[in-house]
PDB file of N, CA and C in Angstrom:
ATOM      1  N   UNK A   1     162.978 106.386 155.033  1.00  0.00           N
ATOM      2  CA  UNK A   1     163.689 105.450 154.334  1.00  0.00           C
ATOM      3  C   UNK A   1     163.547 105.750 152.718  1.00  0.00           C
ATOM      4  N   UNK A   2     162.436 106.408 152.526  1.00  0.00           N
ATOM      5  CA  UNK A   2     162.383 106.810 151.124  1.00  0.00           C
ATOM      6  C   UNK A   2     162.031 105.822 149.992  1.00  0.00           C
ATOM      7  N   UNK A   3     162.129 104.517 150.344  1.00  0.00           N
ATOM      8  CA  UNK A   3     161.952 103.543 149.442  1.00  0.00           C
ATOM      9  C   UNK A   3     160.698 102.913 149.264  1.00  0.00           C
ATOM     10  N   UNK A   4     159.668 103.218 150.131  1.00  0.00           N
ATOM     11  CA  UNK A   4     158.340 102.708 150.064  1.00  0.00           C
ATOM     12  C   UNK A   4     158.164 101.404 150.767  1.00  0.00           C
ATOM     13  N   UNK A   5     159.352 101.080 151.513  1.00  0.00           N
ATOM     14  CA  UNK A   5     159.188  99.942 152.404  1.00  0.00           C
ATOM     15  C   UNK A   5     158.240 100.135 153.739  1.00  0.00           C
ATOM     16  N   UNK A   6     158.238 101.215 154.035  1.00  0.00           N
ATOM     17  CA  UNK A   6     157.142 101.523 155.152  1.00  0.00           C
ATOM     18  C   UNK A   6     156.331 102.789 154.772  1.00  0.00           C
ATOM     19  N   UNK A   7     155.151 102.461 154.744  1.00  0.00           N
ATOM     20  CA  UNK A   7     154.034 103.701 154.472  1.00  0.00           C
ATOM     21  C   UNK A   7     153.166 103.649 155.548  1.00  0.00           C
ATOM     22  N   UNK A   8     152.801 104.787 156.024  1.00  0.00           N
ATOM     23  CA  UNK A   8     151.819 105.155 157.017  1.00  0.00           C
ATOM     24  C   UNK A   8     150.447 105.553 156.316  1.00  0.00           C
ATOM     25  N   UNK A   9     149.470 104.635 156.886  1.00  0.00           N
ATOM     26  CA  UNK A   9     148.185 104.679 156.308  1.00  0.00           C
ATOM     27  C   UNK A   9     147.051 105.219 157.315  1.00  0.00           C
ATOM     28  N   UNK A  10     146.412 106.204 157.107  1.00  0.00           N
ATOM     29  CA  UNK A  10     145.392 106.726 157.991  1.00  0.00           C
ATOM     30  C   UNK A  10     144.347 105.714 158.015  1.00  0.00           C
ATOM     31  N   UNK A  11     143.963 105.318 159.354  1.00  0.00           N
ATOM     32  CA  UNK A  11     142.909 104.278 159.819  1.00  0.00           C
ATOM     33  C   UNK A  11     142.382 104.905 160.920  1.00  0.00           C
ATOM     34  N   UNK A  12     141.639 106.094 160.856  1.00  0.00           N
ATOM     35  CA  UNK A  12     140.861 106.672 162.105  1.00  0.00           C
ATOM     36  C   UNK A  12     139.592 105.995 162.411  1.00  0.00           C
ATOM     37  N   UNK A  13     139.224 106.057 163.653  1.00  0.00           N
ATOM     38  CA  UNK A  13     138.110 105.615 164.227  1.00  0.00           C
ATOM     39  C   UNK A  13     138.112 105.235 165.510  1.00  0.00           C
ATOM     40  N   UNK A  14     139.241 104.448 166.144  1.00  0.00           N
ATOM     41  CA  UNK A  14     139.230 104.303 167.476  1.00  0.00           C
ATOM     42  C   UNK A  14     139.666 105.635 168.028  1.00  0.00           C
ATOM     43  N   UNK A  15     140.590 106.299 167.503  1.00  0.00           N
ATOM     44  CA  UNK A  15     140.998 107.702 167.782  1.00  0.00           C
ATOM     45  C   UNK A  15     141.114 108.260 166.435  1.00  0.00           C
ATOM     46  N   UNK A  16     140.941 109.723 166.412  1.00  0.00           N
ATOM     47  CA  UNK A  16     140.913 110.421 165.162  1.00  0.00           C
ATOM     48  C   UNK A  16     142.065 110.348 164.336  1.00  0.00           C
ATOM     49  N   UNK A  17     143.258 110.348 165.090  1.00  0.00           N
ATOM     50  CA  UNK A  17     144.530 110.331 164.415  1.00  0.00           C
ATOM     51  C   UNK A  17     145.138 109.065 164.193  1.00  0.00           C
ATOM     52  N   UNK A  18     144.198 107.921 164.319  1.00  0.00           N
ATOM     53  CA  UNK A  18     145.113 106.608 164.229  1.00  0.00           C
ATOM     54  C   UNK A  18     145.609 106.280 162.884  1.00  0.00           C
ATOM     55  N   UNK A  19     146.696 105.636 162.847  1.00  0.00           N
ATOM     56  CA  UNK A  19     147.391 105.193 161.659  1.00  0.00           C
ATOM     57  C   UNK A  19     147.646 103.697 161.685  1.00  0.00           C
ATOM     58  N   UNK A  20     147.834 103.215 160.570  1.00  0.00           N
ATOM     59  CA  UNK A  20     148.486 101.787 160.441  1.00  0.00           C
ATOM     60  C   UNK A  20     149.731 102.003 159.588  1.00  0.00           C
ATOM     61  N   UNK A  21     150.603 100.773 159.860  1.00  0.00           N
ATOM     62  CA  UNK A  21     151.973 101.004 159.364  1.00  0.00           C
ATOM     63  C   UNK A  21     152.064  99.714 158.197  1.00  0.00           C
ATOM     64  N   UNK A  22     152.004  99.853 156.922  1.00  0.00           N
ATOM     65  CA  UNK A  22     152.370  98.890 155.981  1.00  0.00           C
ATOM     66  C   UNK A  22     153.951  98.671 155.915  1.00  0.00           C
ATOM     67  N   UNK A  23     154.426  97.463 156.202  1.00  0.00           N
ATOM     68  CA  UNK A  23     155.713  97.221 155.990  1.00  0.00           C
ATOM     69  C   UNK A  23     156.065  96.299 154.874  1.00  0.00           C
ATOM     70  N   UNK A  24     156.651  96.554 153.827  1.00  0.00           N
ATOM     71  CA  UNK A  24     156.982  95.725 152.706  1.00  0.00           C
ATOM     72  C   UNK A  24     158.230  95.240 153.023  1.00  0.00           C
ATOM     73  N   UNK A  25     158.463  93.784 152.882  1.00  0.00           N
ATOM     74  CA  UNK A  25     159.715  93.145 153.139  1.00  0.00           C
ATOM     75  C   UNK A  25     160.091  92.355 151.777  1.00  0.00           C
ATOM     76  N   UNK A  26     161.432  92.446 151.623  1.00  0.00           N
ATOM     77  CA  UNK A  26     162.005  91.517 150.531  1.00  0.00           C
ATOM     78  C   UNK A  26     161.914  90.128 151.057  1.00  0.00           C
ATOM     79  N   UNK A  27     161.410  89.262 150.173  1.00  0.00           N
ATOM     80  CA  UNK A  27     161.563  87.732 150.363  1.00  0.00           C
ATOM     81  C   UNK A  27     160.496  87.338 151.581  1.00  0.00           C
ATOM     82  N   UNK A  28     159.467  88.159 151.864  1.00  0.00           N
ATOM     83  CA  UNK A  28     158.725  87.934 152.825  1.00  0.00           C
ATOM     84  C   UNK A  28     157.426  88.600 152.591  1.00  0.00           C
ATOM     85  N   UNK A  29     156.111  88.048 153.069  1.00  0.00           N
ATOM     86  CA  UNK A  29     154.896  88.729 152.969  1.00  0.00           C
ATOM     87  C   UNK A  29     154.843  90.263 153.589  1.00  0.00           C
ATOM     88  N   UNK A  30     154.014  91.095 153.143  1.00  0.00           N
ATOM     89  CA  UNK A  30     154.160  92.307 153.830  1.00  0.00           C
ATOM     90  C   UNK A  30     153.227  92.387 155.099  1.00  0.00           C
ATOM     91  N   UNK A  31     153.613  93.196 156.106  1.00  0.00           N
ATOM     92  CA  UNK A  31     152.945  93.133 157.364  1.00  0.00           C
ATOM     93  C   UNK A  31     152.191  94.492 157.386  1.00  0.00           C
ATOM     94  N   UNK A  32     150.892  94.461 158.093  1.00  0.00           N
ATOM     95  CA  UNK A  32     150.135  95.630 158.195  1.00  0.00           C
ATOM     96  C   UNK A  32     149.923  95.805 159.756  1.00  0.00           C
ATOM     97  N   UNK A  33     150.624  96.605 160.454  1.00  0.00           N
ATOM     98  CA  UNK A  33     150.452  96.830 161.770  1.00  0.00           C
ATOM     99  C   UNK A  33     149.292  97.847 162.036  1.00  0.00           C
ATOM    100  N   UNK A  34     148.283  97.379 162.512  1.00  0.00           N
ATOM    101  CA  UNK A  34     147.007  98.305 162.668  1.00  0.00           C
ATOM    102  C   UNK A  34     146.669  98.771 164.075  1.00  0.00           C
ATOM    103  N   UNK A  35     147.556  98.523 164.871  1.00  0.00           N
ATOM    104  CA  UNK A  35     147.438  99.262 166.229  1.00  0.00           C
ATOM    105  C   UNK A  35     146.371  98.693 166.938  1.00  0.00           C
ATOM    106  N   UNK A  36     145.502  99.770 167.385  1.00  0.00           N
ATOM    107  CA  UNK A  36     144.322  99.663 167.971  1.00  0.00           C
ATOM    108  C   UNK A  36     143.094  99.591 167.105  1.00  0.00           C
ATOM    109  N   UNK A  37     143.172  99.541 165.862  1.00  0.00           N
ATOM    110  CA  UNK A  37     142.061  99.733 165.037  1.00  0.00           C
ATOM    111  C   UNK A  37     141.100  98.559 165.386  1.00  0.00           C
ATOM    112  N   UNK A  38     141.606  97.274 165.626  1.00  0.00           N
ATOM    113  CA  UNK A  38     140.883  96.194 165.925  1.00  0.00           C
ATOM    114  C   UNK A  38     141.671  95.456 166.896  1.00  0.00           C
ATOM    115  N   UNK A  39     141.023  94.355 167.512  1.00  0.00           N
ATOM    116  CA  UNK A  39     141.780  93.469 168.612  1.00  0.00           C
ATOM    117  C   UNK A  39     142.323  92.319 167.730  1.00  0.00           C
ATOM    118  N   UNK A  40     141.630  92.056 166.613  1.00  0.00           N
ATOM    119  CA  UNK A  40     142.252  90.831 165.748  1.00  0.00           C
ATOM    120  C   UNK A  40     141.601  90.909 164.299  1.00  0.00           C
ATOM    121  N   UNK A  41     142.419  90.154 163.514  1.00  0.00           N
ATOM    122  CA  UNK A  41     142.070  90.044 162.126  1.00  0.00           C
ATOM    123  C   UNK A  41     140.549  89.472 162.070  1.00  0.00           C
ATOM    124  N   UNK A  42     140.256  88.521 162.910  1.00  0.00           N
ATOM    125  CA  UNK A  42     138.731  87.982 162.777  1.00  0.00           C
ATOM    126  C   UNK A  42     137.638  88.885 163.062  1.00  0.00           C
ATOM    127  N   UNK A  43     137.898  89.862 164.099  1.00  0.00           N
ATOM    128  CA  UNK A  43     137.029  90.859 164.441  1.00  0.00           C
ATOM    129  C   UNK A  43     136.980  91.910 163.247  1.00  0.00           C
ATOM    130  N   UNK A  44     137.939  92.067 162.594  1.00  0.00           N
ATOM    131  CA  UNK A  44     137.889  93.154 161.513  1.00  0.00           C
ATOM    132  C   UNK A  44     137.134  92.415 160.364  1.00  0.00           C
ATOM    133  N   UNK A  45     137.248  91.179 159.981  1.00  0.00           N
ATOM    134  CA  UNK A  45     136.516  90.540 159.068  1.00  0.00           C
ATOM    135  C   UNK A  45     135.030  90.512 159.282  1.00  0.00           C
ATOM    136  N   UNK A  46     134.565  90.504 160.560  1.00  0.00           N
ATOM    137  CA  UNK A  46     133.203  90.451 160.992  1.00  0.00           C
ATOM    138  C   UNK A  46     132.742  91.937 161.201  1.00  0.00           C
ATOM    139  N   UNK A  47     133.428  92.973 161.037  1.00  0.00           N
ATOM    140  CA  UNK A  47     132.932  94.351 161.381  1.00  0.00           C
ATOM    141  C   UNK A  47     132.573  94.403 162.838  1.00  0.00           C
ATOM    142  N   UNK A  48     133.160  93.679 163.595  1.00  0.00           N
ATOM    143  CA  UNK A  48     132.958  93.763 165.091  1.00  0.00           C
ATOM    144  C   UNK A  48     133.852  94.850 165.615  1.00  0.00           C
ATOM    145  N   UNK A  49     133.257  95.923 166.047  1.00  0.00           N
ATOM    146  CA  UNK A  49     133.886  97.228 166.724  1.00  0.00           C
ATOM    147  C   UNK A  49     134.442  97.178 167.833  1.00  0.00           C
ATOM    148  N   UNK A  50     135.398  97.822 168.249  1.00  0.00           N
ATOM    149  CA  UNK A  50     135.742  97.943 169.620  1.00  0.00           C
ATOM    150  C   UNK A  50     134.858  98.746 170.460  1.00  0.00           C
ATOM    151  N   UNK A  51     134.790  98.920 171.660  1.00  0.00           N
ATOM    152  CA  UNK A  51     133.824  99.523 172.363  1.00  0.00           C
ATOM    153  C   UNK A  51     133.718 101.068 172.369  1.00  0.00           C
ATOM    154  N   UNK A  52     135.045 101.620 171.963  1.00  0.00           N
ATOM    155  CA  UNK A  52     135.183 103.049 171.852  1.00  0.00           C
ATOM    156  C   UNK A  52     135.545 103.523 170.574  1.00  0.00           C
ATOM    157  N   UNK A  53     135.129 104.652 170.032  1.00  0.00           N
ATOM    158  CA  UNK A  53     135.533 105.290 168.919  1.00  0.00           C
ATOM    159  C   UNK A  53     134.301 105.660 167.999  1.00  0.00           C
ATOM    160  N   UNK A  54     134.677 106.308 166.880  1.00  0.00           N
ATOM    161  CA  UNK A  54     133.669 106.684 165.938  1.00  0.00           C
ATOM    162  C   UNK A  54     133.240 105.468 164.905  1.00  0.00           C
ATOM    163  N   UNK A  55     132.075 104.881 165.072  1.00  0.00           N
ATOM    164  CA  UNK A  55     131.810 103.614 164.470  1.00  0.00           C
ATOM    165  C   UNK A  55     131.769 103.893 162.916  1.00  0.00           C
ATOM    166  N   UNK A  56     131.283 105.103 162.468  1.00  0.00           N
ATOM    167  CA  UNK A  56     131.231 105.221 161.063  1.00  0.00           C
ATOM    168  C   UNK A  56     132.679 105.173 160.546  1.00  0.00           C
ATOM    169  N   UNK A  57     133.644 105.806 161.278  1.00  0.00           N
ATOM    170  CA  UNK A  57     134.959 106.045 160.797  1.00  0.00           C
ATOM    171  C   UNK A  57     135.869 104.579 160.890  1.00  0.00           C
ATOM    172  N   UNK A  58     135.475 103.895 162.035  1.00  0.00           N
ATOM    173  CA  UNK A  58     135.966 102.648 162.015  1.00  0.00           C
ATOM    174  C   UNK A  58     135.475 101.624 160.890  1.00  0.00           C
ATOM    175  N   UNK A  59     134.280 101.621 160.700  1.00  0.00           N
ATOM    176  CA  UNK A  59     133.783 100.747 159.457  1.00  0.00           C
ATOM    177  C   UNK A  59     134.379 101.124 158.181  1.00  0.00           C
ATOM    178  N   UNK A  60     134.701 102.533 157.971  1.00  0.00           N
ATOM    179  CA  UNK A  60     135.290 102.957 156.749  1.00  0.00           C
ATOM    180  C   UNK A  60     136.968 102.412 156.764  1.00  0.00           C
ATOM    181  N   UNK A  61     137.443 102.438 157.832  1.00  0.00           N
ATOM    182  CA  UNK A  61     138.878 102.062 157.938  1.00  0.00           C
ATOM    183  C   UNK A  61     138.959 100.500 157.835  1.00  0.00           C
ATOM    184  N   UNK A  62     138.024  99.913 158.616  1.00  0.00           N
ATOM    185  CA  UNK A  62     137.913  98.309 158.237  1.00  0.00           C
ATOM    186  C   UNK A  62     137.902  98.052 156.775  1.00  0.00           C
ATOM    187  N   UNK A  63     136.912  98.830 156.138  1.00  0.00           N
ATOM    188  CA  UNK A  63     136.673  98.435 154.626  1.00  0.00           C
ATOM    189  C   UNK A  63     138.170  98.647 153.868  1.00  0.00           C
ATOM    190  N   UNK A  64     138.818  99.883 154.347  1.00  0.00           N
ATOM    191  CA  UNK A  64     140.162  99.899 153.643  1.00  0.00           C
ATOM    192  C   UNK A  64     141.068  98.837 153.968  1.00  0.00           C
ATOM    193  N   UNK A  65     141.157  98.419 155.086  1.00  0.00           N
ATOM    194  CA  UNK A  65     142.191  97.486 155.454  1.00  0.00           C
ATOM    195  C   UNK A  65     141.754  96.084 154.541  1.00  0.00           C
ATOM    196  N   UNK A  66     140.396  95.736 154.423  1.00  0.00           N
ATOM    197  CA  UNK A  66     139.974  94.614 153.796  1.00  0.00           C
ATOM    198  C   UNK A  66     140.161  94.679 152.338  1.00  0.00           C
ATOM    199  N   UNK A  67     140.114  95.968 151.700  1.00  0.00           N
ATOM    200  CA  UNK A  67     140.442  96.084 150.266  1.00  0.00           C
ATOM    201  C   UNK A  67     141.854  95.911 150.018  1.00  0.00           C
ATOM    202  N   UNK A  68     142.718  96.368 150.983  1.00  0.00           N
ATOM    203  CA  UNK A  68     144.077  96.280 150.858  1.00  0.00           C
ATOM    204  C   UNK A  68     144.377  94.703 150.993  1.00  0.00           C
ATOM    205  N   UNK A  69     143.717  93.839 151.883  1.00  0.00           N
ATOM    206  CA  UNK A  69     143.845  92.552 152.005  1.00  0.00           C
ATOM    207  C   UNK A  69     143.699  91.769 150.736  1.00  0.00           C
ATOM    208  N   UNK A  70     142.511  92.168 150.151  1.00  0.00           N
ATOM    209  CA  UNK A  70     142.051  91.553 148.738  1.00  0.00           C
ATOM    210  C   UNK A  70     143.121  91.811 147.690  1.00  0.00           C
ATOM    211  N   UNK A  71     143.649  93.028 147.782  1.00  0.00           N
ATOM    212  CA  UNK A  71     144.661  93.426 146.821  1.00  0.00           C
ATOM    213  C   UNK A  71     146.067  92.794 147.116  1.00  0.00           C
ATOM    214  N   UNK A  72     146.073  92.442 148.221  1.00  0.00           N
ATOM    215  CA  UNK A  72     147.524  91.851 148.740  1.00  0.00           C
ATOM    216  C   UNK A  72     147.225  90.601 149.457  1.00  0.00           C
ATOM    217  N   UNK A  73     146.937  89.469 148.933  1.00  0.00           N
ATOM    218  CA  UNK A  73     146.467  88.275 149.562  1.00  0.00           C
ATOM    219  C   UNK A  73     147.305  87.583 150.698  1.00  0.00           C
ATOM    220  N   UNK A  74     148.581  87.941 150.506  1.00  0.00           N
ATOM    221  CA  UNK A  74     149.562  87.209 151.517  1.00  0.00           C
ATOM    222  C   UNK A  74     149.853  88.287 152.586  1.00  0.00           C
ATOM    223  N   UNK A  75     149.075  89.450 152.622  1.00  0.00           N
ATOM    224  CA  UNK A  75     149.325  90.428 153.680  1.00  0.00           C
ATOM    225  C   UNK A  75     149.130  89.807 155.257  1.00  0.00           C
ATOM    226  N   UNK A  76     149.871  90.103 156.104  1.00  0.00           N
ATOM    227  CA  UNK A  76     149.754  89.591 157.424  1.00  0.00           C
ATOM    228  C   UNK A  76     149.418  90.860 158.236  1.00  0.00           C
ATOM    229  N   UNK A  77     148.237  90.739 158.854  1.00  0.00           N
ATOM    230  CA  UNK A  77     147.693  91.822 159.739  1.00  0.00           C
ATOM    231  C   UNK A  77     147.940  91.685 161.021  1.00  0.00           C
ATOM    232  N   UNK A  78     148.569  92.397 161.847  1.00  0.00           N
ATOM    233  CA  UNK A  78     148.950  92.364 163.076  1.00  0.00           C
ATOM    234  C   UNK A  78     148.174  93.380 164.146  1.00  0.00           C
ATOM    235  N   UNK A  79     147.528  93.124 164.798  1.00  0.00           N
ATOM    236  CA  UNK A  79     146.794  94.162 165.734  1.00  0.00           C
ATOM    237  C   UNK A  79     147.573  94.096 167.133  1.00  0.00           C
ATOM    238  N   UNK A  80     147.504  95.467 167.703  1.00  0.00           N
ATOM    239  CA  UNK A  80     148.246  95.398 169.011  1.00  0.00           C
ATOM    240  C   UNK A  80     147.838  94.547 170.019  1.00  0.00           C
ATOM    241  N   UNK A  81     146.631  94.203 170.321  1.00  0.00           N
ATOM    242  CA  UNK A  81     146.098  93.403 171.394  1.00  0.00           C
ATOM    243  C   UNK A  81     145.652  92.027 170.892  1.00  0.00           C
ATOM    244  N   UNK A  82     146.271  91.559 169.751  1.00  0.00           N
ATOM    245  CA  UNK A  82     145.876  90.308 169.256  1.00  0.00           C
ATOM    246  C   UNK A  82     146.873  89.238 169.816  1.00  0.00           C
ATOM    247  N   UNK A  83     146.313  88.456 170.718  1.00  0.00           N
ATOM    248  CA  UNK A  83     147.275  87.496 171.414  1.00  0.00           C
ATOM    249  C   UNK A  83     147.759  86.380 170.357  1.00  0.00           C
ATOM    250  N   UNK A  84     147.092  86.195 169.265  1.00  0.00           N
ATOM    251  CA  UNK A  84     147.805  85.255 168.047  1.00  0.00           C
ATOM    252  C   UNK A  84     148.928  85.913 167.235  1.00  0.00           C
ATOM    253  N   UNK A  85     148.991  87.260 167.449  1.00  0.00           N
ATOM    254  CA  UNK A  85     149.941  88.178 166.566  1.00  0.00           C
ATOM    255  C   UNK A  85     151.319  87.369 166.370  1.00  0.00           C
ATOM    256  N   UNK A  86     151.849  87.004 167.434  1.00  0.00           N
ATOM    257  CA  UNK A  86     153.246  86.296 167.620  1.00  0.00           C
ATOM    258  C   UNK A  86     153.259  84.999 166.822  1.00  0.00           C
ATOM    259  N   UNK A  87     152.194  84.505 167.072  1.00  0.00           N
ATOM    260  CA  UNK A  87     152.096  83.167 166.203  1.00  0.00           C
ATOM    261  C   UNK A  87     151.741  83.384 164.749  1.00  0.00           C
ATOM    262  N   UNK A  88     151.321  84.366 164.419  1.00  0.00           N
ATOM    263  CA  UNK A  88     151.251  84.790 162.812  1.00  0.00           C
ATOM    264  C   UNK A  88     152.630  84.897 162.438  1.00  0.00           C
ATOM    265  N   UNK A  89     153.440  85.659 163.078  1.00  0.00           N
ATOM    266  CA  UNK A  89     154.889  85.822 162.597  1.00  0.00           C
ATOM    267  C   UNK A  89     155.687  84.516 162.680  1.00  0.00           C
ATOM    268  N   UNK A  90     155.486  83.737 163.642  1.00  0.00           N
ATOM    269  CA  UNK A  90     156.116  82.539 163.708  1.00  0.00           C
ATOM    270  C   UNK A  90     155.788  81.554 162.689  1.00  0.00           C
ATOM    271  N   UNK A  91     154.556  81.477 162.236  1.00  0.00           N
ATOM    272  CA  UNK A  91     154.213  80.738 161.015  1.00  0.00           C
ATOM    273  C   UNK A  91     154.844  81.270 159.702  1.00  0.00           C
ATOM    274  N   UNK A  92     154.706  82.518 159.701  1.00  0.00           N
ATOM    275  CA  UNK A  92     155.033  83.306 158.430  1.00  0.00           C
ATOM    276  C   UNK A  92     156.688  83.251 158.174  1.00  0.00           C
ATOM    277  N   UNK A  93     157.381  83.035 159.237  1.00  0.00           N
ATOM    278  CA  UNK A  93     158.905  83.188 159.224  1.00  0.00           C
ATOM    279  C   UNK A  93     159.342  81.713 158.852  1.00  0.00           C
ATOM    280  N   UNK A  94     158.730  80.783 158.991  1.00  0.00           N
ATOM    281  CA  UNK A  94     159.020  79.340 158.599  1.00  0.00           C
ATOM    282  C   UNK A  94     159.417  79.002 157.297  1.00  0.00           C
TER     283      UNK A  94
END
């Protein structure tokens, strides 16, 4: 797209080449699609790691996501396996 609306961010740890996707949207809070980095935003906040992966890299990636969240307070974090993800979007779209 070339307009900065979608940015790929390296977030290794679960797997070496893992990435997250920052989606900037007009008239709506940005989304961060974190894939398998964490199972939920709450686990990320507690530094609770998934069962597999490089724990040092995971903690570094968690810290990067939290720094982005501090810089962008309205950021919506969506994890692949988060059962609450759909609800976060429904609340956000109202």
